[in-house]
Protein backbone atom coordinates (compact mmCIF):
# COMPACT_ATOMS: atom_id res chain seq x y z
CA UNK A 1 -0.10 76.26 82.78
CA UNK A 2 1.96 77.30 85.25
CA UNK A 3 5.48 76.21 85.10
CA UNK A 4 5.93 75.78 89.12
CA UNK A 5 2.82 73.37 88.72
CA UNK A 6 4.65 71.56 85.97
CA UNK A 7 7.48 71.25 88.10
CA UNK A 8 6.38 71.22 91.34
CA UNK A 9 3.55 67.62 90.05
CA UNK A 10 6.83 66.23 88.15
CA UNK A 11 8.94 66.25 91.51
CA UNK A 12 5.76 64.64 93.42
CA UNK A 13 5.62 61.69 90.71
CA UNK A 14 9.46 61.40 90.73
CA UNK A 15 9.13 60.75 94.02
CA UNK A 16 6.40 58.79 94.80
CA UNK A 17 7.65 56.37 91.82
CA UNK A 18 11.75 56.34 93.07
CA UNK A 19 9.50 55.43 96.93
CA UNK A 20 8.18 52.90 95.66
CA UNK A 21 11.07 51.26 94.45
CA UNK A 22 13.19 51.88 97.28
CA UNK A 23 9.41 49.86 99.16
CA UNK A 24 9.73 46.99 96.55
CA UNK A 25 13.79 46.23 96.71
CA UNK A 26 13.65 46.57 100.94
CA UNK A 27 10.52 44.44 101.35
CA UNK A 28 12.29 41.05 101.72
CA UNK A 29 11.04 38.20 103.35
CA UNK A 30 12.10 34.85 105.08
CA UNK A 31 12.49 32.00 103.56
CA UNK A 32 15.50 28.67 103.81
CA UNK A 33 18.17 27.55 100.95
CA UNK A 34 15.58 25.86 98.60
CA UNK A 35 12.98 28.88 98.93
CA UNK A 36 16.12 30.65 97.85
CA UNK A 37 16.73 28.42 95.00
CA UNK A 38 13.05 28.90 93.54
CA UNK A 39 12.36 32.74 93.86
CA UNK A 40 14.35 35.78 92.06
CA UNK A 41 13.78 38.06 94.40
CA UNK A 42 16.12 38.84 97.43
CA UNK A 43 15.38 36.61 100.61
CA UNK A 44 16.94 36.69 104.31
CA UNK A 45 17.36 32.49 105.55
CA UNK A 46 18.55 32.40 109.03
CA UNK A 47 20.63 29.41 109.80
CA UNK A 48 24.12 28.58 111.75
CA UNK A 49 27.08 28.68 110.25
CA UNK A 50 29.08 25.16 109.72
CA UNK A 51 32.28 26.08 111.04
CA UNK A 52 33.68 22.51 110.15
CA UNK A 53 33.74 23.17 106.68
CA UNK A 54 36.50 25.96 104.87
CA UNK A 55 35.76 29.23 104.74
CA UNK A 56 38.02 31.50 103.15
CA UNK A 57 38.79 35.38 102.14
CA UNK A 58 38.88 36.71 99.16
CA UNK A 59 41.29 39.89 98.95
CA UNK A 60 41.10 40.90 95.21
CA UNK A 61 37.49 39.92 94.80
CA UNK A 62 36.99 41.24 98.68
CA UNK A 63 34.69 38.36 99.09
CA UNK A 64 34.12 36.39 102.20
CA UNK A 65 32.79 32.47 101.67
CA UNK A 66 31.22 30.59 104.27
CA UNK A 67 29.36 27.90 104.65
CA UNK A 68 26.05 27.82 106.35
CA UNK A 69 23.17 25.28 107.63
CA UNK A 70 19.61 26.92 106.77
CA UNK A 71 16.34 26.18 109.73
CA UNK A 72 15.68 22.49 107.59
CA UNK A 73 19.11 21.19 107.49
CA UNK A 74 20.30 21.92 104.53
CA UNK A 75 24.15 23.04 104.26
CA UNK A 76 25.07 25.02 101.25
CA UNK A 77 27.79 27.34 100.30
CA UNK A 78 27.31 31.41 101.15
CA UNK A 79 29.91 34.52 99.59
CA UNK A 80 29.51 37.59 101.39
CA UNK A 81 30.30 40.82 99.23
CA UNK A 82 33.11 42.37 102.41
CA UNK A 83 35.24 40.69 105.00
CA UNK A 84 34.31 38.68 107.61
CA UNK A 85 31.47 40.13 110.45
CA UNK A 86 32.31 40.99 113.70
CA UNK A 87 31.89 39.27 116.10
CA UNK A 88 31.29 35.81 113.11
CA UNK A 89 33.11 33.67 115.60
CA UNK A 90 30.67 33.58 118.19
CA UNK A 91 27.96 33.88 116.52
CA UNK A 92 25.09 31.08 117.56
CA UNK A 93 23.18 31.94 114.61
CA UNK A 94 23.31 34.16 111.68
CA UNK A 95 20.86 35.56 108.98
CA UNK A 96 21.57 36.52 105.57
CA UNK A 97 20.00 38.43 102.74
CA UNK A 98 20.56 38.37 99.33
CA UNK A 99 19.90 36.09 96.32
CA UNK A 100 21.37 32.18 95.30
CA UNK A 101 22.66 32.21 92.08
CA UNK A 102 25.96 29.20 90.31
CA UNK A 103 25.20 27.38 92.18
CA UNK A 104 25.70 29.15 96.11
CA UNK A 105 24.28 31.27 98.09
CA UNK A 106 25.53 35.22 97.08
CA UNK A 107 24.86 37.36 100.55
CA UNK A 108 25.38 41.60 100.54
CA UNK A 109 23.83 41.78 103.98
CA UNK A 110 25.70 39.21 107.54
CA UNK A 111 23.50 39.31 110.66
CA UNK A 112 24.83 37.76 114.12
CA UNK A 113 23.52 37.14 116.53
CA UNK A 114 25.95 36.42 119.60
CA UNK A 115 25.76 35.03 123.12
CA UNK A 116 24.43 37.52 125.28
CA UNK A 117 26.98 38.68 128.34
CA UNK A 118 23.85 39.23 130.66
CA UNK A 119 22.63 35.75 130.53
CA UNK A 120 23.34 33.16 132.99
CA UNK A 121 25.58 30.54 132.91
CA UNK A 122 23.81 28.01 135.16
CA UNK A 123 20.42 28.15 133.77
CA UNK A 124 17.48 30.09 135.36
CA UNK A 125 16.73 31.61 138.34
CA UNK A 126 14.70 29.35 141.32
CA UNK A 127 12.23 32.75 142.81
CA UNK A 128 13.01 33.03 145.96
CA UNK A 129 9.65 32.98 148.82
């Protein structure tokens, strides 16, 4: 057999395997804390930051921890790898990505939704005739 064909075939097979692994790792479903406890996969949970509860940054571990209430009303401690996200104090809702482990949600990413600067403060505009 031609050595170029063998090497080319091996590169193609390796690319397909790595692409498949990457697809399944990036395929993250939405859920709540109850689903996060039962699944061992990475999951996204939408909710809001509970500002009344303790939040802190551990400089040694480089982790930010806070409490979040998911859409079903459950409150759970979240530990994020990294610093406090930008605009976290202004966020109207939060989406965290990660896994439930050791009685808390270990987040690898936090997405914040902040109020739009284009929304009016007085309510919807009336159509003029």
